[in-house]
PDB file of N, CA and C in Angstrom:
ATOM      1  N   UNK A   1     -18.395  11.862  27.338  1.00  0.00           N
ATOM      2  CA  UNK A   1     -18.643  10.851  28.191  1.00  0.00           C
ATOM      3  C   UNK A   1     -19.181  11.252  28.991  1.00  0.00           C
ATOM      4  N   UNK A   2     -20.502   9.750  29.341  1.00  0.00           N
ATOM      5  CA  UNK A   2     -20.599  10.004  30.474  1.00  0.00           C
ATOM      6  C   UNK A   2     -20.025   9.293  31.552  1.00  0.00           C
ATOM      7  N   UNK A   3     -21.376  10.356  32.037  1.00  0.00           N
ATOM      8  CA  UNK A   3     -20.503  10.161  34.206  1.00  0.00           C
ATOM      9  C   UNK A   3     -21.681   9.345  34.845  1.00  0.00           C
ATOM     10  N   UNK A   4     -22.845   8.562  34.003  1.00  0.00           N
ATOM     11  CA  UNK A   4     -23.451   7.546  35.115  1.00  0.00           C
ATOM     12  C   UNK A   4     -23.321   6.158  35.300  1.00  0.00           C
ATOM     13  N   UNK A   5     -23.344   6.204  36.597  1.00  0.00           N
ATOM     14  CA  UNK A   5     -22.690   5.260  37.814  1.00  0.00           C
ATOM     15  C   UNK A   5     -21.736   5.872  37.834  1.00  0.00           C
ATOM     16  N   UNK A   6     -20.987   7.129  38.363  1.00  0.00           N
ATOM     17  CA  UNK A   6     -19.964   7.785  38.853  1.00  0.00           C
ATOM     18  C   UNK A   6     -20.643   8.515  39.699  1.00  0.00           C
ATOM     19  N   UNK A   7     -19.723   8.766  41.078  1.00  0.00           N
ATOM     20  CA  UNK A   7     -20.208   9.676  42.063  1.00  0.00           C
ATOM     21  C   UNK A   7     -19.844  10.744  41.268  1.00  0.00           C
ATOM     22  N   UNK A   8     -19.020  11.216  40.286  1.00  0.00           N
ATOM     23  CA  UNK A   8     -19.068  13.011  39.805  1.00  0.00           C
ATOM     24  C   UNK A   8     -19.919  13.427  39.389  1.00  0.00           C
ATOM     25  N   UNK A   9     -20.227  14.909  39.296  1.00  0.00           N
ATOM     26  CA  UNK A   9     -20.939  15.573  38.419  1.00  0.00           C
ATOM     27  C   UNK A   9     -20.588  16.508  38.034  1.00  0.00           C
ATOM     28  N   UNK A  10     -20.487  16.958  36.830  1.00  0.00           N
ATOM     29  CA  UNK A  10     -20.615  18.506  36.443  1.00  0.00           C
ATOM     30  C   UNK A  10     -20.378  19.693  37.209  1.00  0.00           C
ATOM     31  N   UNK A  11     -20.419  20.673  36.610  1.00  0.00           N
ATOM     32  CA  UNK A  11     -20.396  21.322  37.161  1.00  0.00           C
ATOM     33  C   UNK A  11     -22.225  21.961  36.297  1.00  0.00           C
ATOM     34  N   UNK A  12     -22.374  21.984  35.095  1.00  0.00           N
ATOM     35  CA  UNK A  12     -23.056  21.564  34.213  1.00  0.00           C
ATOM     36  C   UNK A  12     -24.380  21.134  34.807  1.00  0.00           C
ATOM     37  N   UNK A  13     -24.068  19.164  35.156  1.00  0.00           N
ATOM     38  CA  UNK A  13     -25.102  18.796  35.355  1.00  0.00           C
ATOM     39  C   UNK A  13     -25.579  19.229  36.972  1.00  0.00           C
ATOM     40  N   UNK A  14     -24.705  20.078  38.368  1.00  0.00           N
ATOM     41  CA  UNK A  14     -25.716  20.155  39.021  1.00  0.00           C
ATOM     42  C   UNK A  14     -26.186  21.536  38.840  1.00  0.00           C
ATOM     43  N   UNK A  15     -25.577  22.925  38.095  1.00  0.00           N
ATOM     44  CA  UNK A  15     -26.888  23.359  37.585  1.00  0.00           C
ATOM     45  C   UNK A  15     -27.771  23.081  37.297  1.00  0.00           C
ATOM     46  N   UNK A  16     -27.875  22.205  36.802  1.00  0.00           N
ATOM     47  CA  UNK A  16     -29.008  22.219  35.477  1.00  0.00           C
ATOM     48  C   UNK A  16     -30.281  20.625  36.554  1.00  0.00           C
ATOM     49  N   UNK A  17     -29.026  20.286  37.954  1.00  0.00           N
ATOM     50  CA  UNK A  17     -30.223  19.657  39.195  1.00  0.00           C
ATOM     51  C   UNK A  17     -30.928  20.513  39.371  1.00  0.00           C
ATOM     52  N   UNK A  18     -30.382  21.367  40.023  1.00  0.00           N
ATOM     53  CA  UNK A  18     -30.752  22.481  40.649  1.00  0.00           C
ATOM     54  C   UNK A  18     -31.874  23.410  40.346  1.00  0.00           C
ATOM     55  N   UNK A  19     -31.825  23.729  38.609  1.00  0.00           N
ATOM     56  CA  UNK A  19     -32.386  24.211  38.035  1.00  0.00           C
ATOM     57  C   UNK A  19     -33.891  23.229  38.093  1.00  0.00           C
ATOM     58  N   UNK A  20     -33.696  22.000  37.416  1.00  0.00           N
ATOM     59  CA  UNK A  20     -35.223  20.686  38.326  1.00  0.00           C
ATOM     60  C   UNK A  20     -35.501  20.659  39.047  1.00  0.00           C
ATOM     61  N   UNK A  21     -34.682  20.962  40.088  1.00  0.00           N
ATOM     62  CA  UNK A  21     -35.593  20.272  41.530  1.00  0.00           C
ATOM     63  C   UNK A  21     -36.489  21.902  41.702  1.00  0.00           C
ATOM     64  N   UNK A  22     -36.289  23.192  40.765  1.00  0.00           N
ATOM     65  CA  UNK A  22     -37.064  24.330  41.005  1.00  0.00           C
ATOM     66  C   UNK A  22     -38.063  24.299  40.140  1.00  0.00           C
ATOM     67  N   UNK A  23     -38.730  23.008  39.192  1.00  0.00           N
ATOM     68  CA  UNK A  23     -39.260  22.992  38.450  1.00  0.00           C
ATOM     69  C   UNK A  23     -40.025  21.913  39.025  1.00  0.00           C
ATOM     70  N   UNK A  24     -39.751  20.863  39.414  1.00  0.00           N
ATOM     71  CA  UNK A  24     -40.364  19.535  39.834  1.00  0.00           C
ATOM     72  C   UNK A  24     -39.606  19.137  41.057  1.00  0.00           C
ATOM     73  N   UNK A  25     -41.204  20.108  41.620  1.00  0.00           N
ATOM     74  CA  UNK A  25     -41.373  20.022  43.969  1.00  0.00           C
ATOM     75  C   UNK A  25     -41.672  18.785  43.868  1.00  0.00           C
ATOM     76  N   UNK A  26     -41.682  18.605  45.659  1.00  0.00           N
ATOM     77  CA  UNK A  26     -41.847  17.630  45.628  1.00  0.00           C
ATOM     78  C   UNK A  26     -43.110  16.575  45.539  1.00  0.00           C
ATOM     79  N   UNK A  27     -44.369  17.461  45.292  1.00  0.00           N
ATOM     80  CA  UNK A  27     -45.143  16.825  44.820  1.00  0.00           C
ATOM     81  C   UNK A  27     -45.412  16.196  43.706  1.00  0.00           C
ATOM     82  N   UNK A  28     -44.484  16.737  42.873  1.00  0.00           N
ATOM     83  CA  UNK A  28     -44.038  15.966  41.144  1.00  0.00           C
ATOM     84  C   UNK A  28     -44.477  14.516  41.323  1.00  0.00           C
ATOM     85  N   UNK A  29     -44.695  14.263  40.185  1.00  0.00           N
ATOM     86  CA  UNK A  29     -45.024  12.840  40.198  1.00  0.00           C
ATOM     87  C   UNK A  29     -43.730  12.224  39.659  1.00  0.00           C
ATOM     88  N   UNK A  30     -43.104  11.321  39.617  1.00  0.00           N
ATOM     89  CA  UNK A  30     -42.319  11.177  38.931  1.00  0.00           C
ATOM     90  C   UNK A  30     -40.658  11.798  39.156  1.00  0.00           C
ATOM     91  N   UNK A  31     -40.388  12.389  40.540  1.00  0.00           N
ATOM     92  CA  UNK A  31     -39.988  13.646  40.534  1.00  0.00           C
ATOM     93  C   UNK A  31     -38.172  13.266  40.139  1.00  0.00           C
ATOM     94  N   UNK A  32     -38.005  12.827  41.011  1.00  0.00           N
ATOM     95  CA  UNK A  32     -37.079  12.124  40.985  1.00  0.00           C
ATOM     96  C   UNK A  32     -36.471  11.252  39.185  1.00  0.00           C
ATOM     97  N   UNK A  33     -37.263  11.292  38.082  1.00  0.00           N
ATOM     98  CA  UNK A  33     -37.182  10.191  37.152  1.00  0.00           C
ATOM     99  C   UNK A  33     -37.340  11.354  36.236  1.00  0.00           C
ATOM    100  N   UNK A  34     -38.031  12.606  36.788  1.00  0.00           N
ATOM    101  CA  UNK A  34     -37.648  13.951  35.342  1.00  0.00           C
ATOM    102  C   UNK A  34     -36.609  14.364  35.772  1.00  0.00           C
ATOM    103  N   UNK A  35     -36.303  14.687  37.380  1.00  0.00           N
ATOM    104  CA  UNK A  35     -34.975  15.544  37.361  1.00  0.00           C
ATOM    105  C   UNK A  35     -33.704  15.051  36.938  1.00  0.00           C
ATOM    106  N   UNK A  36     -33.223  13.186  36.509  1.00  0.00           N
ATOM    107  CA  UNK A  36     -32.308  12.649  35.907  1.00  0.00           C
ATOM    108  C   UNK A  36     -32.959  12.583  35.131  1.00  0.00           C
ATOM    109  N   UNK A  37     -33.585  13.378  33.916  1.00  0.00           N
ATOM    110  CA  UNK A  37     -33.536  13.209  32.844  1.00  0.00           C
ATOM    111  C   UNK A  37     -33.321  14.510  32.760  1.00  0.00           C
ATOM    112  N   UNK A  38     -33.678  15.644  32.818  1.00  0.00           N
ATOM    113  CA  UNK A  38     -32.930  17.410  33.089  1.00  0.00           C
ATOM    114  C   UNK A  38     -31.319  16.605  33.208  1.00  0.00           C
ATOM    115  N   UNK A  39     -30.713  16.759  34.269  1.00  0.00           N
ATOM    116  CA  UNK A  39     -30.004  16.177  33.847  1.00  0.00           C
ATOM    117  C   UNK A  39     -28.601  15.677  33.282  1.00  0.00           C
ATOM    118  N   UNK A  40     -29.232  14.289  32.932  1.00  0.00           N
ATOM    119  CA  UNK A  40     -28.320  14.253  32.137  1.00  0.00           C
ATOM    120  C   UNK A  40     -27.736  13.395  32.558  1.00  0.00           C
ATOM    121  N   UNK A  41     -27.035  11.880  32.364  1.00  0.00           N
ATOM    122  CA  UNK A  41     -25.914  10.844  32.243  1.00  0.00           C
ATOM    123  C   UNK A  41     -25.873  10.550  34.580  1.00  0.00           C
ATOM    124  N   UNK A  42     -27.156  10.786  34.771  1.00  0.00           N
ATOM    125  CA  UNK A  42     -27.238  10.654  36.262  1.00  0.00           C
ATOM    126  C   UNK A  42     -28.616   9.478  36.294  1.00  0.00           C
ATOM    127  N   UNK A  43     -28.665   8.616  37.006  1.00  0.00           N
ATOM    128  CA  UNK A  43     -30.478   7.821  36.991  1.00  0.00           C
ATOM    129  C   UNK A  43     -30.731   8.667  38.021  1.00  0.00           C
ATOM    130  N   UNK A  44     -31.681   8.188  38.492  1.00  0.00           N
ATOM    131  CA  UNK A  44     -33.549   8.731  39.458  1.00  0.00           C
ATOM    132  C   UNK A  44     -32.725   8.776  40.980  1.00  0.00           C
ATOM    133  N   UNK A  45     -32.270   7.102  40.593  1.00  0.00           N
ATOM    134  CA  UNK A  45     -31.391   6.680  42.585  1.00  0.00           C
ATOM    135  C   UNK A  45     -30.316   7.884  42.487  1.00  0.00           C
ATOM    136  N   UNK A  46     -29.700   7.990  41.525  1.00  0.00           N
ATOM    137  CA  UNK A  46     -28.355   8.990  41.735  1.00  0.00           C
ATOM    138  C   UNK A  46     -28.939  10.515  42.261  1.00  0.00           C
ATOM    139  N   UNK A  47     -29.547  11.481  41.089  1.00  0.00           N
ATOM    140  CA  UNK A  47     -29.634  12.438  41.590  1.00  0.00           C
ATOM    141  C   UNK A  47     -30.863  12.350  43.300  1.00  0.00           C
ATOM    142  N   UNK A  48     -30.993  11.072  43.655  1.00  0.00           N
ATOM    143  CA  UNK A  48     -32.043  11.440  44.664  1.00  0.00           C
ATOM    144  C   UNK A  48     -31.503  11.070  45.726  1.00  0.00           C
ATOM    145  N   UNK A  49     -29.905  10.377  45.407  1.00  0.00           N
ATOM    146  CA  UNK A  49     -28.871  10.315  46.735  1.00  0.00           C
ATOM    147  C   UNK A  49     -28.730  11.200  46.318  1.00  0.00           C
ATOM    148  N   UNK A  50     -28.017  12.001  45.161  1.00  0.00           N
ATOM    149  CA  UNK A  50     -27.329  13.373  45.742  1.00  0.00           C
ATOM    150  C   UNK A  50     -27.893  14.964  46.444  1.00  0.00           C
ATOM    151  N   UNK A  51     -30.192  14.287  46.428  1.00  0.00           N
ATOM    152  CA  UNK A  51     -30.351  15.727  47.092  1.00  0.00           C
ATOM    153  C   UNK A  51     -30.022  15.602  48.656  1.00  0.00           C
ATOM    154  N   UNK A  52     -30.335  14.184  48.908  1.00  0.00           N
ATOM    155  CA  UNK A  52     -30.385  13.626  50.288  1.00  0.00           C
ATOM    156  C   UNK A  52     -29.329  13.810  50.961  1.00  0.00           C
ATOM    157  N   UNK A  53     -27.935  13.850  50.074  1.00  0.00           N
ATOM    158  CA  UNK A  53     -26.245  14.251  50.365  1.00  0.00           C
ATOM    159  C   UNK A  53     -26.834  16.160  51.206  1.00  0.00           C
ATOM    160  N   UNK A  54     -26.960  16.655  50.599  1.00  0.00           N
ATOM    161  CA  UNK A  54     -27.006  17.911  49.729  1.00  0.00           C
ATOM    162  C   UNK A  54     -28.154  18.731  51.266  1.00  0.00           C
ATOM    163  N   UNK A  55     -28.856  18.010  51.172  1.00  0.00           N
ATOM    164  CA  UNK A  55     -30.188  18.199  52.417  1.00  0.00           C
ATOM    165  C   UNK A  55     -29.518  17.808  54.082  1.00  0.00           C
ATOM    166  N   UNK A  56     -28.157  16.614  54.169  1.00  0.00           N
ATOM    167  CA  UNK A  56     -27.761  16.517  55.043  1.00  0.00           C
ATOM    168  C   UNK A  56     -26.670  17.344  55.405  1.00  0.00           C
ATOM    169  N   UNK A  57     -26.057  17.951  53.838  1.00  0.00           N
ATOM    170  CA  UNK A  57     -24.933  19.206  54.396  1.00  0.00           C
ATOM    171  C   UNK A  57     -26.116  20.734  55.393  1.00  0.00           C
ATOM    172  N   UNK A  58     -26.831  20.464  54.215  1.00  0.00           N
ATOM    173  CA  UNK A  58     -27.165  21.795  54.924  1.00  0.00           C
ATOM    174  C   UNK A  58     -27.811  21.580  56.259  1.00  0.00           C
ATOM    175  N   UNK A  59     -28.143  20.619  56.613  1.00  0.00           N
ATOM    176  CA  UNK A  59     -28.685  20.832  58.590  1.00  0.00           C
ATOM    177  C   UNK A  59     -27.182  20.431  58.991  1.00  0.00           C
ATOM    178  N   UNK A  60     -25.985  20.296  59.018  1.00  0.00           N
ATOM    179  CA  UNK A  60     -25.094  20.792  59.348  1.00  0.00           C
ATOM    180  C   UNK A  60     -24.634  21.419  60.037  1.00  0.00           C
ATOM    181  N   UNK A  61     -24.372  22.594  58.344  1.00  0.00           N
ATOM    182  CA  UNK A  61     -24.212  24.281  58.449  1.00  0.00           C
ATOM    183  C   UNK A  61     -25.094  24.930  59.569  1.00  0.00           C
ATOM    184  N   UNK A  62     -26.384  24.394  59.091  1.00  0.00           N
ATOM    185  CA  UNK A  62     -27.641  25.253  59.815  1.00  0.00           C
ATOM    186  C   UNK A  62     -27.450  24.889  61.664  1.00  0.00           C
ATOM    187  N   UNK A  63     -27.151  23.606  61.750  1.00  0.00           N
ATOM    188  CA  UNK A  63     -26.913  22.839  63.040  1.00  0.00           C
ATOM    189  C   UNK A  63     -25.222  23.695  63.414  1.00  0.00           C
ATOM    190  N   UNK A  64     -24.926  24.120  63.259  1.00  0.00           N
ATOM    191  CA  UNK A  64     -22.930  24.404  63.196  1.00  0.00           C
ATOM    192  C   UNK A  64     -22.197  23.493  63.339  1.00  0.00           C
ATOM    193  N   UNK A  65     -23.006  22.304  63.825  1.00  0.00           N
ATOM    194  CA  UNK A  65     -22.242  21.164  63.534  1.00  0.00           C
ATOM    195  C   UNK A  65     -20.876  21.168  62.198  1.00  0.00           C
ATOM    196  N   UNK A  66     -20.793  21.890  61.167  1.00  0.00           N
ATOM    197  CA  UNK A  66     -20.012  21.715  59.976  1.00  0.00           C
ATOM    198  C   UNK A  66     -18.721  21.066  60.286  1.00  0.00           C
ATOM    199  N   UNK A  67     -17.961  20.361  59.840  1.00  0.00           N
ATOM    200  CA  UNK A  67     -17.169  19.791  60.180  1.00  0.00           C
ATOM    201  C   UNK A  67     -15.807  20.259  58.329  1.00  0.00           C
ATOM    202  N   UNK A  68     -16.374  21.304  58.231  1.00  0.00           N
ATOM    203  CA  UNK A  68     -15.662  20.773  56.681  1.00  0.00           C
ATOM    204  C   UNK A  68     -14.850  22.234  57.003  1.00  0.00           C
ATOM    205  N   UNK A  69     -13.445  22.079  56.442  1.00  0.00           N
ATOM    206  CA  UNK A  69     -12.345  22.857  56.837  1.00  0.00           C
ATOM    207  C   UNK A  69     -13.002  23.855  56.162  1.00  0.00           C
ATOM    208  N   UNK A  70     -12.250  25.508  57.296  1.00  0.00           N
ATOM    209  CA  UNK A  70     -13.198  26.452  56.540  1.00  0.00           C
ATOM    210  C   UNK A  70     -11.864  27.384  56.095  1.00  0.00           C
ATOM    211  N   UNK A  71     -12.498  28.336  55.677  1.00  0.00           N
ATOM    212  CA  UNK A  71     -11.459  28.669  54.227  1.00  0.00           C
ATOM    213  C   UNK A  71     -10.169  30.080  55.692  1.00  0.00           C
ATOM    214  N   UNK A  72      -9.101  30.147  55.551  1.00  0.00           N
ATOM    215  CA  UNK A  72      -8.522  30.701  56.341  1.00  0.00           C
ATOM    216  C   UNK A  72      -8.746  32.166  56.614  1.00  0.00           C
ATOM    217  N   UNK A  73      -9.036  32.666  58.028  1.00  0.00           N
ATOM    218  CA  UNK A  73      -9.777  33.988  58.220  1.00  0.00           C
ATOM    219  C   UNK A  73     -10.794  34.578  59.028  1.00  0.00           C
ATOM    220  N   UNK A  74     -11.608  32.768  59.072  1.00  0.00           N
ATOM    221  CA  UNK A  74     -13.022  32.164  59.344  1.00  0.00           C
ATOM    222  C   UNK A  74     -12.751  31.667  60.634  1.00  0.00           C
TER     223      UNK A  74
END
């Protein structure tokens, strides 16, 4: 089953995404096309958007403004 066009990412797709980012750095020509090919079931635009969302989340966490629910005791 393909998740093309859907906003959901499987655990495998996320792992493949992370591994592809390590291989295809920001200077790689056609980076997002290559990452999408490595992930499977996602377009270049979808993997680029996924990356942008993750970068935004990291910036929020680093700024101390992370508003996601915390685990009990934190």
